[in-house]
Amino acid sequence: MSLSLAVKPSLRAASRAVSSRQLANATAPHFCQAIRHNSTTAEANPKISSIVDQISNLTLIETADLVALLKSRLNIQDIAIPTAAAAAPAAAAAAAEPEPEPVQEKTMFNVKLDSFEAGAKPKIIKEVKALLGLNLVESKKFVESAPKILRENVTKDDAEKIKATLEGLGAKITLE
């Protein structure tokens, strides 16, 4: 555990310090020697070695408490690290936020006769008679009692056809 903790920062620091061209020209022993030097100096210090031994004996919960305490005492900000361990809390936080519900397109409509032109009344009565299967008297009473719902729970295509037909005759139709 202590070796991997010491090697990773050294490797990152060395890769930042050395450009890709310099890294290609660098020989492997020099690069490894720098990493080995950083890791051996950390283990040689008895104070650091004892801290590492104490940390390695902590439970997972105690380690989490230690990290939280160190962050607060040293004023260390949280940073996003692209690892699997960091992805799980991020996914949990994203799931906790309420997602805006997508607006679903309405599929069923009510066709409502709002009003009509006076000159178009006979044509609209005939169309309503054919549409609803009423007799002439019932159709006339229906049209004269506008605004009134012609059809309920009609699919979007059928509702648009009815609307286009009646508006072509001079009626004002709304889809609800």
N, C-alpha and C. Protein backbone atom coordinates (compact mmCIF):
# COMPACT_ATOMS: atom_id res chain seq x y z
N MET A 1 0.82 -1.19 0.00
CA MET A 1 0.00 0.00 0.00
C MET A 1 0.87 1.25 0.00
N SER A 2 1.91 1.29 0.85
CA SER A 2 2.75 2.48 0.94
C SER A 2 3.56 2.67 -0.33
N LEU A 3 3.95 1.59 -0.98
CA LEU A 3 4.74 1.69 -2.21
C LEU A 3 3.88 2.27 -3.33
N SER A 4 2.65 1.80 -3.46
CA SER A 4 1.80 2.32 -4.53
C SER A 4 1.43 3.77 -4.29
N LEU A 5 1.24 4.17 -3.03
CA LEU A 5 0.95 5.56 -2.72
C LEU A 5 2.13 6.45 -3.03
N ALA A 6 3.34 5.94 -2.82
CA ALA A 6 4.53 6.74 -3.08
C ALA A 6 4.88 6.77 -4.56
N VAL A 7 4.61 5.70 -5.27
CA VAL A 7 4.99 5.60 -6.68
C VAL A 7 4.07 6.43 -7.57
N LYS A 8 2.77 6.39 -7.34
CA LYS A 8 1.83 7.09 -8.21
C LYS A 8 2.08 8.59 -8.27
N PRO A 9 2.23 9.30 -7.13
CA PRO A 9 2.51 10.74 -7.23
C PRO A 9 3.85 11.02 -7.90
N SER A 10 4.83 10.18 -7.64
CA SER A 10 6.14 10.39 -8.27
C SER A 10 6.04 10.20 -9.77
N LEU A 11 5.29 9.22 -10.19
CA LEU A 11 5.11 8.96 -11.61
C LEU A 11 4.37 10.11 -12.28
N ARG A 12 3.35 10.63 -11.61
CA ARG A 12 2.61 11.76 -12.16
C ARG A 12 3.50 12.99 -12.25
N ALA A 13 4.24 13.27 -11.19
CA ALA A 13 5.12 14.44 -11.19
C ALA A 13 6.20 14.31 -12.26
N ALA A 14 6.73 13.13 -12.41
CA ALA A 14 7.78 12.92 -13.42
C ALA A 14 7.21 13.06 -14.82
N SER A 15 5.98 12.59 -15.03
CA SER A 15 5.39 12.68 -16.37
C SER A 15 5.02 14.11 -16.70
N ARG A 16 4.66 14.92 -15.70
CA ARG A 16 4.37 16.33 -15.97
C ARG A 16 5.64 17.11 -16.27
N ALA A 17 6.70 16.80 -15.53
CA ALA A 17 7.94 17.54 -15.68
C ALA A 17 8.63 17.25 -17.00
N VAL A 18 8.46 16.07 -17.49
CA VAL A 18 9.16 15.66 -18.70
C VAL A 18 8.19 15.70 -19.86
N SER A 19 8.55 16.42 -20.91
CA SER A 19 7.67 16.45 -22.08
C SER A 19 7.74 15.12 -22.80
N SER A 20 6.83 14.90 -23.73
CA SER A 20 6.80 13.62 -24.43
C SER A 20 8.08 13.38 -25.22
N ARG A 21 8.68 14.43 -25.77
CA ARG A 21 9.93 14.27 -26.52
C ARG A 21 11.06 13.88 -25.57
N GLN A 22 11.13 14.53 -24.41
CA GLN A 22 12.16 14.20 -23.44
C GLN A 22 11.96 12.81 -22.87
N LEU A 23 10.72 12.42 -22.70
CA LEU A 23 10.43 11.09 -22.18
C LEU A 23 10.86 10.01 -23.17
N ALA A 24 10.68 10.29 -24.47
CA ALA A 24 11.09 9.33 -25.49
C ALA A 24 12.60 9.19 -25.52
N ASN A 25 13.32 10.30 -25.26
CA ASN A 25 14.78 10.26 -25.28
C ASN A 25 15.38 9.79 -23.97
N ALA A 26 14.59 9.79 -22.90
CA ALA A 26 15.11 9.39 -21.59
C ALA A 26 15.33 7.90 -21.54
N THR A 27 16.35 7.52 -20.83
CA THR A 27 16.62 6.10 -20.68
C THR A 27 15.86 5.58 -19.48
N ALA A 28 15.47 4.34 -19.52
CA ALA A 28 14.66 3.75 -18.47
C ALA A 28 15.34 3.75 -17.10
N PRO A 29 16.63 3.47 -16.98
CA PRO A 29 17.22 3.46 -15.64
C PRO A 29 17.14 4.81 -14.92
N HIS A 30 17.31 5.93 -15.65
CA HIS A 30 17.24 7.25 -14.99
C HIS A 30 15.83 7.52 -14.49
N PHE A 31 14.85 7.18 -15.30
CA PHE A 31 13.45 7.41 -14.93
C PHE A 31 13.09 6.57 -13.72
N CYS A 32 13.44 5.31 -13.72
CA CYS A 32 13.13 4.41 -12.61
C CYS A 32 13.90 4.80 -11.36
N GLN A 33 15.12 5.31 -11.55
CA GLN A 33 15.92 5.70 -10.40
C GLN A 33 15.26 6.87 -9.66
N ALA A 34 14.65 7.81 -10.41
CA ALA A 34 13.98 8.94 -9.77
C ALA A 34 12.77 8.45 -8.96
N ILE A 35 12.06 7.51 -9.50
CA ILE A 35 10.90 6.98 -8.78
C ILE A 35 11.36 6.21 -7.55
N ARG A 36 12.41 5.40 -7.71
CA ARG A 36 12.92 4.62 -6.61
C ARG A 36 13.45 5.54 -5.51
N HIS A 37 14.11 6.65 -5.90
CA HIS A 37 14.65 7.59 -4.93
C HIS A 37 13.52 8.21 -4.10
N ASN A 38 12.43 8.63 -4.74
CA ASN A 38 11.32 9.23 -4.01
C ASN A 38 10.66 8.25 -3.06
N SER A 39 10.51 7.02 -3.46
CA SER A 39 9.84 6.05 -2.60
C SER A 39 10.74 5.61 -1.45
N THR A 40 12.05 5.55 -1.65
CA THR A 40 12.93 5.10 -0.57
C THR A 40 13.12 6.19 0.47
N THR A 41 13.08 7.47 0.06
CA THR A 41 13.24 8.53 1.05
C THR A 41 12.03 8.58 1.97
N ALA A 42 10.84 8.27 1.48
CA ALA A 42 9.65 8.27 2.33
C ALA A 42 9.71 7.14 3.34
N GLU A 43 10.23 5.99 2.93
CA GLU A 43 10.32 4.85 3.84
C GLU A 43 11.47 5.00 4.82
N ALA A 44 12.48 5.77 4.48
CA ALA A 44 13.64 5.93 5.35
C ALA A 44 13.31 6.81 6.55
N ASN A 45 12.38 7.73 6.43
CA ASN A 45 12.02 8.61 7.51
C ASN A 45 11.18 7.82 8.51
N PRO A 46 11.64 7.66 9.74
CA PRO A 46 10.91 6.84 10.71
C PRO A 46 9.55 7.43 11.11
N LYS A 47 9.44 8.75 11.11
CA LYS A 47 8.17 9.37 11.46
C LYS A 47 7.09 9.03 10.43
N ILE A 48 7.46 9.15 9.16
CA ILE A 48 6.51 8.84 8.08
C ILE A 48 6.22 7.34 8.06
N SER A 49 7.23 6.55 8.29
CA SER A 49 7.06 5.10 8.30
C SER A 49 6.08 4.67 9.40
N SER A 50 6.14 5.31 10.55
CA SER A 50 5.23 4.95 11.64
C SER A 50 3.80 5.39 11.31
N ILE A 51 3.66 6.55 10.63
CA ILE A 51 2.33 7.01 10.24
C ILE A 51 1.71 6.04 9.24
N VAL A 52 2.53 5.57 8.29
CA VAL A 52 2.04 4.62 7.29
C VAL A 52 1.61 3.33 7.96
N ASP A 53 2.38 2.88 8.93
CA ASP A 53 2.02 1.65 9.66
C ASP A 53 0.70 1.83 10.41
N GLN A 54 0.51 2.99 11.02
CA GLN A 54 -0.72 3.25 11.75
C GLN A 54 -1.92 3.32 10.80
N ILE A 55 -1.74 3.97 9.65
CA ILE A 55 -2.84 4.08 8.69
C ILE A 55 -3.21 2.72 8.12
N SER A 56 -2.22 1.89 7.89
CA SER A 56 -2.51 0.57 7.31
C SER A 56 -3.25 -0.32 8.29
N ASN A 57 -3.25 -0.01 9.58
CA ASN A 57 -3.98 -0.79 10.58
C ASN A 57 -5.40 -0.28 10.80
N LEU A 58 -5.79 0.83 10.16
CA LEU A 58 -7.12 1.40 10.34
C LEU A 58 -8.17 0.60 9.56
N THR A 59 -9.38 0.64 10.07
CA THR A 59 -10.49 0.04 9.33
C THR A 59 -10.92 1.00 8.23
N LEU A 60 -11.80 0.56 7.38
CA LEU A 60 -12.26 1.39 6.27
C LEU A 60 -13.00 2.62 6.76
N ILE A 61 -13.80 2.48 7.79
CA ILE A 61 -14.55 3.61 8.34
C ILE A 61 -13.60 4.61 9.00
N GLU A 62 -12.62 4.08 9.74
CA GLU A 62 -11.64 4.96 10.37
C GLU A 62 -10.81 5.70 9.32
N THR A 63 -10.50 5.04 8.22
CA THR A 63 -9.75 5.68 7.15
C THR A 63 -10.57 6.80 6.52
N ALA A 64 -11.86 6.57 6.32
CA ALA A 64 -12.73 7.61 5.77
C ALA A 64 -12.80 8.80 6.72
N ASP A 65 -12.88 8.55 8.02
CA ASP A 65 -12.89 9.63 9.00
C ASP A 65 -11.57 10.40 8.97
N LEU A 66 -10.46 9.69 8.82
CA LEU A 66 -9.14 10.32 8.74
C LEU A 66 -9.06 11.24 7.52
N VAL A 67 -9.53 10.76 6.40
CA VAL A 67 -9.51 11.56 5.17
C VAL A 67 -10.36 12.81 5.35
N ALA A 68 -11.54 12.68 5.92
CA ALA A 68 -12.41 13.83 6.13
C ALA A 68 -11.77 14.85 7.07
N LEU A 69 -11.14 14.37 8.14
CA LEU A 69 -10.48 15.26 9.09
C LEU A 69 -9.30 15.98 8.45
N LEU A 70 -8.52 15.25 7.65
CA LEU A 70 -7.38 15.88 6.97
C LEU A 70 -7.86 16.94 5.97
N LYS A 71 -8.93 16.65 5.26
CA LYS A 71 -9.47 17.63 4.30
C LYS A 71 -9.91 18.90 5.01
N SER A 72 -10.58 18.76 6.17
CA SER A 72 -11.07 19.94 6.87
C SER A 72 -9.91 20.72 7.52
N ARG A 73 -8.95 20.01 8.12
CA ARG A 73 -7.84 20.70 8.78
C ARG A 73 -6.91 21.39 7.78
N LEU A 74 -6.65 20.73 6.66
CA LEU A 74 -5.72 21.28 5.67
C LEU A 74 -6.42 22.10 4.61
N ASN A 75 -7.74 22.25 4.73
CA ASN A 75 -8.55 23.01 3.78
C ASN A 75 -8.34 22.51 2.35
N ILE A 76 -8.51 21.21 2.15
CA ILE A 76 -8.34 20.59 0.84
C ILE A 76 -9.72 20.47 0.19
N GLN A 77 -9.82 20.98 -1.03
CA GLN A 77 -11.08 20.92 -1.76
C GLN A 77 -11.21 19.56 -2.44
N ASP A 78 -12.46 19.09 -2.57
CA ASP A 78 -12.70 17.85 -3.31
C ASP A 78 -12.46 18.09 -4.78
N ILE A 79 -11.81 17.14 -5.44
CA ILE A 79 -11.60 17.22 -6.87
C ILE A 79 -12.17 15.97 -7.51
N ALA A 80 -12.58 16.11 -8.74
CA ALA A 80 -13.14 14.97 -9.46
C ALA A 80 -12.00 14.11 -9.99
N ILE A 81 -11.98 12.86 -9.58
CA ILE A 81 -10.96 11.92 -10.04
C ILE A 81 -11.67 10.87 -10.87
N PRO A 82 -11.26 10.70 -12.12
CA PRO A 82 -11.96 9.74 -12.99
C PRO A 82 -11.58 8.30 -12.67
N THR A 83 -12.16 7.77 -11.60
CA THR A 83 -11.94 6.37 -11.24
C THR A 83 -13.28 5.73 -10.97
N ALA A 84 -13.28 4.44 -10.87
CA ALA A 84 -14.53 3.71 -10.61
C ALA A 84 -15.06 4.05 -9.21
N ALA A 85 -14.17 4.25 -8.25
CA ALA A 85 -14.59 4.57 -6.89
C ALA A 85 -15.24 5.94 -6.83
N ALA A 86 -14.76 6.88 -7.63
CA ALA A 86 -15.34 8.22 -7.63
C ALA A 86 -16.62 8.26 -8.45
N ALA A 87 -16.80 7.34 -9.36
CA ALA A 87 -17.99 7.34 -10.20
C ALA A 87 -19.23 6.91 -9.41
N ALA A 88 -19.07 6.04 -8.44
CA ALA A 88 -20.21 5.57 -7.67
C ALA A 88 -20.86 6.69 -6.85
N PRO A 89 -20.10 7.50 -6.09
CA PRO A 89 -20.74 8.61 -5.38
C PRO A 89 -21.33 9.64 -6.34
N ALA A 90 -20.68 9.87 -7.47
CA ALA A 90 -21.21 10.83 -8.43
C ALA A 90 -22.53 10.34 -9.00
N ALA A 91 -22.64 9.05 -9.25
CA ALA A 91 -23.88 8.49 -9.76
C ALA A 91 -24.98 8.57 -8.70
N ALA A 92 -24.62 8.35 -7.45
CA ALA A 92 -25.59 8.45 -6.38
C ALA A 92 -26.07 9.89 -6.22
N ALA A 93 -25.16 10.86 -6.36
CA ALA A 93 -25.54 12.27 -6.25
C ALA A 93 -26.43 12.66 -7.42
N ALA A 94 -26.12 12.15 -8.60
CA ALA A 94 -26.94 12.47 -9.77
C ALA A 94 -28.34 11.86 -9.63
N ALA A 95 -28.41 10.68 -9.04
CA ALA A 95 -29.70 10.03 -8.86
C ALA A 95 -30.53 10.75 -7.80
N ALA A 96 -29.86 11.41 -6.85
CA ALA A 96 -30.56 12.11 -5.79
C ALA A 96 -31.23 13.37 -6.31
N GLU A 97 -30.67 13.99 -7.36
CA GLU A 97 -31.26 15.20 -7.91
C GLU A 97 -32.52 14.83 -8.69
N PRO A 98 -33.58 15.57 -8.48
CA PRO A 98 -34.80 15.26 -9.24
C PRO A 98 -34.61 15.65 -10.71
N GLU A 99 -34.87 14.70 -11.57
CA GLU A 99 -34.72 14.95 -12.99
C GLU A 99 -36.01 15.55 -13.52
N PRO A 100 -35.87 16.55 -14.39
CA PRO A 100 -37.09 17.11 -14.96
C PRO A 100 -37.77 16.06 -15.84
N GLU A 101 -39.07 15.90 -15.60
CA GLU A 101 -39.79 14.89 -16.36
C GLU A 101 -39.98 15.36 -17.79
N PRO A 102 -39.68 14.48 -18.74
CA PRO A 102 -39.87 14.90 -20.13
C PRO A 102 -41.36 15.10 -20.43
N VAL A 103 -41.62 16.13 -21.18
CA VAL A 103 -43.01 16.43 -21.53
C VAL A 103 -43.46 15.40 -22.56
N GLN A 104 -44.48 14.66 -22.20
CA GLN A 104 -44.98 13.64 -23.11
C GLN A 104 -46.00 14.26 -24.04
N GLU A 105 -45.88 13.90 -25.29
CA GLU A 105 -46.80 14.43 -26.28
C GLU A 105 -48.16 13.78 -26.09
N LYS A 106 -49.16 14.60 -26.13
CA LYS A 106 -50.52 14.12 -25.93
C LYS A 106 -50.94 13.31 -27.15
N THR A 107 -51.56 12.15 -26.94
CA THR A 107 -51.96 11.29 -28.05
C THR A 107 -53.47 11.23 -28.24
N MET A 108 -54.22 11.49 -27.20
CA MET A 108 -55.68 11.44 -27.29
C MET A 108 -56.23 12.85 -27.06
N PHE A 109 -57.20 13.24 -27.90
CA PHE A 109 -57.74 14.59 -27.85
C PHE A 109 -59.26 14.57 -27.81
N ASN A 110 -59.79 15.67 -27.30
CA ASN A 110 -61.23 15.94 -27.39
C ASN A 110 -61.40 17.03 -28.44
N VAL A 111 -62.30 16.82 -29.39
CA VAL A 111 -62.56 17.80 -30.44
C VAL A 111 -63.76 18.63 -30.00
N LYS A 112 -63.55 19.95 -29.88
CA LYS A 112 -64.60 20.83 -29.36
C LYS A 112 -64.99 21.85 -30.44
N LEU A 113 -66.29 21.94 -30.70
CA LEU A 113 -66.84 22.95 -31.60
C LEU A 113 -67.05 24.21 -30.78
N ASP A 114 -66.23 25.25 -31.04
CA ASP A 114 -66.34 26.50 -30.28
C ASP A 114 -67.40 27.42 -30.85
N SER A 115 -67.29 27.66 -32.15
CA SER A 115 -68.26 28.55 -32.79
C SER A 115 -68.24 28.28 -34.30
N PHE A 116 -69.07 29.03 -35.03
CA PHE A 116 -69.14 28.84 -36.48
C PHE A 116 -69.66 30.10 -37.13
N GLU A 117 -69.40 30.22 -38.41
CA GLU A 117 -69.92 31.36 -39.17
C GLU A 117 -71.40 31.09 -39.47
N ALA A 118 -72.17 32.13 -39.46
CA ALA A 118 -73.62 31.99 -39.65
C ALA A 118 -73.95 31.40 -41.02
N GLY A 119 -73.21 31.79 -42.06
CA GLY A 119 -73.49 31.29 -43.40
C GLY A 119 -73.08 29.83 -43.59
N ALA A 120 -72.20 29.33 -42.72
CA ALA A 120 -71.71 27.96 -42.84
C ALA A 120 -72.51 26.97 -42.01
N LYS A 121 -73.55 27.46 -41.33
CA LYS A 121 -74.32 26.61 -40.41
C LYS A 121 -74.90 25.36 -41.08
N PRO A 122 -75.52 25.42 -42.27
CA PRO A 122 -76.08 24.20 -42.86
C PRO A 122 -75.01 23.15 -43.20
N LYS A 123 -73.86 23.61 -43.67
CA LYS A 123 -72.77 22.66 -44.00
C LYS A 123 -72.24 21.99 -42.74
N ILE A 124 -72.10 22.76 -41.69
CA ILE A 124 -71.58 22.21 -40.43
C ILE A 124 -72.59 21.23 -39.83
N ILE A 125 -73.90 21.54 -39.93
CA ILE A 125 -74.93 20.62 -39.43
C ILE A 125 -74.84 19.28 -40.16
N LYS A 126 -74.68 19.33 -41.48
CA LYS A 126 -74.57 18.08 -42.26
C LYS A 126 -73.32 17.29 -41.87
N GLU A 127 -72.21 17.99 -41.66
CA GLU A 127 -70.96 17.30 -41.28
C GLU A 127 -71.08 16.69 -39.89
N VAL A 128 -71.67 17.41 -38.95
CA VAL A 128 -71.87 16.89 -37.60
C VAL A 128 -72.80 15.69 -37.63
N LYS A 129 -73.84 15.75 -38.49
CA LYS A 129 -74.77 14.62 -38.63
C LYS A 129 -74.04 13.38 -39.10
N ALA A 130 -73.16 13.54 -40.09
CA ALA A 130 -72.40 12.40 -40.61
C ALA A 130 -71.36 11.91 -39.60
N LEU A 131 -70.76 12.85 -38.91
CA LEU A 131 -69.70 12.53 -37.96
C LEU A 131 -70.22 11.79 -36.73
N LEU A 132 -71.34 12.25 -36.19
CA LEU A 132 -71.86 11.69 -34.95
C LEU A 132 -72.98 10.67 -35.15
N GLY A 133 -73.50 10.57 -36.37
CA GLY A 133 -74.57 9.61 -36.62
C GLY A 133 -75.90 10.06 -36.02
N LEU A 134 -76.13 11.37 -35.94
CA LEU A 134 -77.37 11.91 -35.40
C LEU A 134 -78.35 12.18 -36.55
N ASN A 135 -79.63 12.38 -36.19
CA ASN A 135 -80.58 12.81 -37.23
C ASN A 135 -80.44 14.32 -37.41
N LEU A 136 -81.17 14.87 -38.37
CA LEU A 136 -81.03 16.28 -38.74
C LEU A 136 -81.39 17.22 -37.59
N VAL A 137 -82.46 16.93 -36.86
CA VAL A 137 -82.91 17.79 -35.76
C VAL A 137 -81.88 17.78 -34.63
N GLU A 138 -81.38 16.58 -34.28
CA GLU A 138 -80.39 16.47 -33.21
C GLU A 138 -79.09 17.18 -33.60
N SER A 139 -78.68 17.06 -34.85
CA SER A 139 -77.48 17.73 -35.34
C SER A 139 -77.62 19.24 -35.25
N LYS A 140 -78.80 19.76 -35.64
CA LYS A 140 -79.06 21.19 -35.59
C LYS A 140 -78.98 21.69 -34.14
N LYS A 141 -79.60 20.98 -33.20
CA LYS A 141 -79.56 21.37 -31.79
C LYS A 141 -78.13 21.31 -31.25
N PHE A 142 -77.39 20.29 -31.68
CA PHE A 142 -76.00 20.13 -31.23
C PHE A 142 -75.16 21.33 -31.68
N VAL A 143 -75.27 21.70 -32.97
CA VAL A 143 -74.47 22.81 -33.51
C VAL A 143 -74.88 24.12 -32.87
N GLU A 144 -76.13 24.34 -32.65
CA GLU A 144 -76.61 25.59 -32.06
C GLU A 144 -76.24 25.73 -30.59
N SER A 145 -75.94 24.62 -29.93
CA SER A 145 -75.56 24.67 -28.52
C SER A 145 -74.04 24.82 -28.33
N ALA A 146 -73.33 25.22 -29.39
CA ALA A 146 -71.87 25.39 -29.31
C ALA A 146 -71.56 26.47 -28.28
N PRO A 147 -70.50 26.39 -27.55
CA PRO A 147 -69.40 25.44 -27.61
C PRO A 147 -69.76 24.10 -26.96
N LYS A 148 -69.38 23.04 -27.67
CA LYS A 148 -69.71 21.70 -27.22
C LYS A 148 -68.68 20.72 -27.77
N ILE A 149 -68.42 19.65 -27.03
CA ILE A 149 -67.44 18.66 -27.47
C ILE A 149 -68.10 17.73 -28.48
N LEU A 150 -67.45 17.65 -29.66
CA LEU A 150 -67.93 16.77 -30.72
C LEU A 150 -67.56 15.32 -30.47
N ARG A 151 -66.27 15.09 -30.25
CA ARG A 151 -65.78 13.72 -30.04
C ARG A 151 -64.80 13.74 -28.87
N GLU A 152 -64.78 12.68 -28.09
CA GLU A 152 -63.86 12.54 -26.97
C GLU A 152 -62.89 11.40 -27.23
N ASN A 153 -61.68 11.53 -26.71
CA ASN A 153 -60.63 10.51 -26.80
C ASN A 153 -60.40 10.05 -28.24
N VAL A 154 -60.07 10.99 -29.08
CA VAL A 154 -59.79 10.72 -30.49
C VAL A 154 -58.29 10.80 -30.69
N THR A 155 -57.74 9.94 -31.54
CA THR A 155 -56.30 9.98 -31.81
C THR A 155 -55.94 11.30 -32.47
N LYS A 156 -54.68 11.64 -32.42
CA LYS A 156 -54.21 12.91 -32.94
C LYS A 156 -54.53 13.06 -34.43
N ASP A 157 -54.28 12.02 -35.21
CA ASP A 157 -54.53 12.09 -36.65
C ASP A 157 -56.01 12.31 -36.95
N ASP A 158 -56.88 11.54 -36.29
CA ASP A 158 -58.32 11.69 -36.51
C ASP A 158 -58.81 13.07 -36.07
N ALA A 159 -58.29 13.55 -34.93
CA ALA A 159 -58.70 14.85 -34.41
C ALA A 159 -58.29 15.96 -35.39
N GLU A 160 -57.10 15.84 -35.95
CA GLU A 160 -56.66 16.86 -36.91
C GLU A 160 -57.47 16.81 -38.20
N LYS A 161 -57.88 15.61 -38.63
CA LYS A 161 -58.73 15.50 -39.82
C LYS A 161 -60.09 16.15 -39.60
N ILE A 162 -60.69 15.86 -38.44
CA ILE A 162 -61.99 16.46 -38.11
C ILE A 162 -61.86 17.98 -38.04
N LYS A 163 -60.81 18.44 -37.38
CA LYS A 163 -60.59 19.87 -37.25
C LYS A 163 -60.42 20.53 -38.61
N ALA A 164 -59.61 19.93 -39.48
CA ALA A 164 -59.38 20.50 -40.81
C ALA A 164 -60.68 20.55 -41.62
N THR A 165 -61.48 19.49 -41.55
CA THR A 165 -62.74 19.44 -42.30
C THR A 165 -63.70 20.53 -41.83
N LEU A 166 -63.91 20.62 -40.52
CA LEU A 166 -64.87 21.58 -40.00
C LEU A 166 -64.37 23.03 -40.13
N GLU A 167 -63.09 23.24 -39.97
CA GLU A 167 -62.56 24.60 -40.16
C GLU A 167 -62.66 25.01 -41.62
N GLY A 168 -62.53 24.04 -42.52
CA GLY A 168 -62.70 24.33 -43.94
C GLY A 168 -64.13 24.76 -44.27
N LEU A 169 -65.06 24.31 -43.46
CA LEU A 169 -66.47 24.69 -43.66
C LEU A 169 -66.82 26.01 -42.97
N GLY A 170 -65.96 26.50 -42.08
CA GLY A 170 -66.22 27.78 -41.39
C GLY A 170 -66.42 27.67 -39.90
N ALA A 171 -66.08 26.55 -39.29
CA ALA A 171 -66.24 26.38 -37.84
C ALA A 171 -64.92 26.68 -37.15
N LYS A 172 -64.99 27.02 -35.88
CA LYS A 172 -63.79 27.20 -35.06
C LYS A 172 -63.73 26.01 -34.11
N ILE A 173 -62.64 25.24 -34.24
CA ILE A 173 -62.47 24.01 -33.49
C ILE A 173 -61.23 24.10 -32.62
N THR A 174 -61.30 23.56 -31.42
CA THR A 174 -60.11 23.44 -30.56
C THR A 174 -59.93 21.98 -30.18
N LEU A 175 -58.68 21.61 -30.03
CA LEU A 175 -58.34 20.25 -29.59
C LEU A 175 -57.87 20.35 -28.15
N GLU A 176 -58.52 19.60 -27.29
CA GLU A 176 -58.17 19.61 -25.86
C GLU A 176 -57.53 18.31 -25.46
